[in-house]
Amino acid sequence: MKLHVGNLAAGTTEKALRDAFERHGTVRAVTLPSSGMRQGRTTGAHRGYAFIVMPDKAQALAAIRALHQRPLDGQAVTVGAARPASLLRRRG
């Protein structure tokens, strides 16, 4: 099951996310998109959200219940099931 984690603190790392979610089960992947380039150089900062893939749905749901609206690196995060990209695209 793919989860979306939002409202991440600027200093949150992939390791911190993996550690938090592994308390509730197996984590297959952590993706922390970066904000890209600014003034011709890589910023290294992330966009404030991440995706976590947990292969076991029961474990993923347990992680949502345990971590949603709870502090991670000093900031309350939002955790829920990720929506498929096709639902996020604008139609028109």
C-alpha atoms as a PDB file:
ATOM      1  CA  MET A   1       0.000   0.000   0.000  1.00  0.00           C
ATOM      2  CA  LYS A   2       1.349   3.417  -0.929  1.00  0.00           C
ATOM      3  CA  LEU A   3       1.021   6.140   1.704  1.00  0.00           C
ATOM      4  CA  HIS A   4       1.300   9.907   1.408  1.00  0.00           C
ATOM      5  CA  VAL A   5       2.941  11.797   4.266  1.00  0.00           C
ATOM      6  CA  GLY A   6       2.466  15.558   4.281  1.00  0.00           C
ATOM      7  CA  ASN A   7       3.426  18.611   6.317  1.00  0.00           C
ATOM      8  CA  LEU A   8       6.988  17.390   6.856  1.00  0.00           C
ATOM      9  CA  ALA A   9       9.457  19.559   8.746  1.00  0.00           C
ATOM     10  CA  ALA A  10      12.290  20.958   6.632  1.00  0.00           C
ATOM     11  CA  GLY A  11      14.849  18.779   8.413  1.00  0.00           C
ATOM     12  CA  THR A  12      12.993  15.479   8.071  1.00  0.00           C
ATOM     13  CA  THR A  13      15.146  12.846   6.382  1.00  0.00           C
ATOM     14  CA  GLU A  14      14.415   9.627   4.547  1.00  0.00           C
ATOM     15  CA  LYS A  15      15.971   7.745   7.472  1.00  0.00           C
ATOM     16  CA  ALA A  16      13.673   9.436  10.006  1.00  0.00           C
ATOM     17  CA  LEU A  17      10.640   8.501   7.897  1.00  0.00           C
ATOM     18  CA  ARG A  18      11.782   4.916   7.461  1.00  0.00           C
ATOM     19  CA  ASP A  19      12.448   4.572  11.195  1.00  0.00           C
ATOM     20  CA  ALA A  20       9.017   5.961  12.126  1.00  0.00           C
ATOM     21  CA  PHE A  21       7.128   3.700   9.726  1.00  0.00           C
ATOM     22  CA  GLU A  22       9.183   0.562  10.377  1.00  0.00           C
ATOM     23  CA  ARG A  23       7.869   0.603  13.950  1.00  0.00           C
ATOM     24  CA  HIS A  24       4.563  -0.487  12.400  1.00  0.00           C
ATOM     25  CA  GLY A  25       5.754  -2.937   9.758  1.00  0.00           C
ATOM     26  CA  THR A  26       7.864  -3.552   6.689  1.00  0.00           C
ATOM     27  CA  VAL A  27       8.769  -0.539   4.558  1.00  0.00           C
ATOM     28  CA  ARG A  28       9.595  -1.357   0.938  1.00  0.00           C
ATOM     29  CA  ALA A  29      10.390   2.184  -0.232  1.00  0.00           C
ATOM     30  CA  VAL A  30      10.597   5.804   0.898  1.00  0.00           C
ATOM     31  CA  THR A  31      10.433   8.610  -1.671  1.00  0.00           C
ATOM     32  CA  LEU A  32      11.143  12.160  -0.525  1.00  0.00           C
ATOM     33  CA  PRO A  33      10.844  14.421  -3.609  1.00  0.00           C
ATOM     34  CA  SER A  34      13.276  17.341  -3.662  1.00  0.00           C
ATOM     35  CA  SER A  35      12.363  20.863  -4.613  1.00  0.00           C
ATOM     36  CA  GLY A  36      14.889  20.780  -7.420  1.00  0.00           C
ATOM     37  CA  MET A  37      16.873  23.740  -8.631  1.00  0.00           C
ATOM     38  CA  ARG A  38      17.012  27.340  -7.490  1.00  0.00           C
ATOM     39  CA  GLN A  39      19.208  29.916  -9.181  1.00  0.00           C
ATOM     40  CA  GLY A  40      20.985  27.203 -11.161  1.00  0.00           C
ATOM     41  CA  ARG A  41      21.925  24.919  -8.272  1.00  0.00           C
ATOM     42  CA  THR A  42      20.322  22.007  -6.489  1.00  0.00           C
ATOM     43  CA  THR A  43      18.728  23.113  -3.222  1.00  0.00           C
ATOM     44  CA  GLY A  44      18.727  19.680  -1.592  1.00  0.00           C
ATOM     45  CA  ALA A  45      15.517  20.619   0.206  1.00  0.00           C
ATOM     46  CA  HIS A  46      12.483  18.390  -0.025  1.00  0.00           C
ATOM     47  CA  ARG A  47       8.985  19.516  -0.987  1.00  0.00           C
ATOM     48  CA  GLY A  48       7.383  18.847   2.399  1.00  0.00           C
ATOM     49  CA  TYR A  49       5.819  15.505   1.539  1.00  0.00           C
ATOM     50  CA  ALA A  50       6.871  11.908   0.984  1.00  0.00           C
ATOM     51  CA  PHE A  51       5.579   8.563  -0.213  1.00  0.00           C
ATOM     52  CA  ILE A  52       6.016   5.368   1.782  1.00  0.00           C
ATOM     53  CA  VAL A  53       5.358   1.910   0.323  1.00  0.00           C
ATOM     54  CA  MET A  54       4.375  -0.796   2.790  1.00  0.00           C
ATOM     55  CA  PRO A  55       3.569  -4.165   1.199  1.00  0.00           C
ATOM     56  CA  ASP A  56       1.222  -5.302   3.987  1.00  0.00           C
ATOM     57  CA  LYS A  57      -2.067  -3.360   4.017  1.00  0.00           C
ATOM     58  CA  ALA A  58      -2.800  -4.107   7.690  1.00  0.00           C
ATOM     59  CA  GLN A  59       0.609  -2.747   8.684  1.00  0.00           C
ATOM     60  CA  ALA A  60       0.094   0.327   6.507  1.00  0.00           C
ATOM     61  CA  LEU A  61      -3.287   1.022   8.120  1.00  0.00           C
ATOM     62  CA  ALA A  62      -1.710   0.605  11.565  1.00  0.00           C
ATOM     63  CA  ALA A  63       0.944   3.164  10.599  1.00  0.00           C
ATOM     64  CA  ILE A  64      -1.736   5.619   9.450  1.00  0.00           C
ATOM     65  CA  ARG A  65      -3.618   5.252  12.750  1.00  0.00           C
ATOM     66  CA  ALA A  66      -0.440   5.646  14.787  1.00  0.00           C
ATOM     67  CA  LEU A  67       1.243   8.515  12.912  1.00  0.00           C
ATOM     68  CA  HIS A  68      -1.497  10.737  11.452  1.00  0.00           C
ATOM     69  CA  GLN A  69      -1.515  14.154  13.162  1.00  0.00           C
ATOM     70  CA  ARG A  70       1.393  13.113  15.395  1.00  0.00           C
ATOM     71  CA  PRO A  71       4.692  15.010  15.601  1.00  0.00           C
ATOM     72  CA  LEU A  72       7.656  13.915  13.523  1.00  0.00           C
ATOM     73  CA  ASP A  73      10.739  16.104  13.906  1.00  0.00           C
ATOM     74  CA  GLY A  74       8.619  18.594  15.865  1.00  0.00           C
ATOM     75  CA  GLN A  75       5.820  18.990  13.325  1.00  0.00           C
ATOM     76  CA  ALA A  76       2.454  17.210  13.142  1.00  0.00           C
ATOM     77  CA  VAL A  77       2.352  15.204   9.909  1.00  0.00           C
ATOM     78  CA  THR A  78      -0.581  14.008   7.854  1.00  0.00           C
ATOM     79  CA  VAL A  79      -0.585  10.359   6.819  1.00  0.00           C
ATOM     80  CA  GLY A  80      -3.056   8.660   4.504  1.00  0.00           C
ATOM     81  CA  ALA A  81      -3.426   6.396   1.520  1.00  0.00           C
ATOM     82  CA  ALA A  82      -1.873   7.911  -1.586  1.00  0.00           C
ATOM     83  CA  ARG A  83      -4.232   8.614  -4.457  1.00  0.00           C
ATOM     84  CA  PRO A  84      -3.344   7.235  -7.900  1.00  0.00           C
ATOM     85  CA  ALA A  85      -1.649   9.794 -10.133  1.00  0.00           C
ATOM     86  CA  SER A  86      -4.439   9.438 -12.689  1.00  0.00           C
ATOM     87  CA  LEU A  87      -6.884  10.926 -10.161  1.00  0.00           C
ATOM     88  CA  LEU A  88      -4.608  13.886  -9.548  1.00  0.00           C
ATOM     89  CA  ARG A  89      -4.308  14.981 -13.187  1.00  0.00           C
ATOM     90  CA  ARG A  90      -6.567  17.775 -14.326  1.00  0.00           C
ATOM     91  CA  ARG A  91      -9.052  16.933 -16.977  1.00  0.00           C
ATOM     92  CA  GLY A  92     -10.066  19.455 -19.481  1.00  0.00           C
END
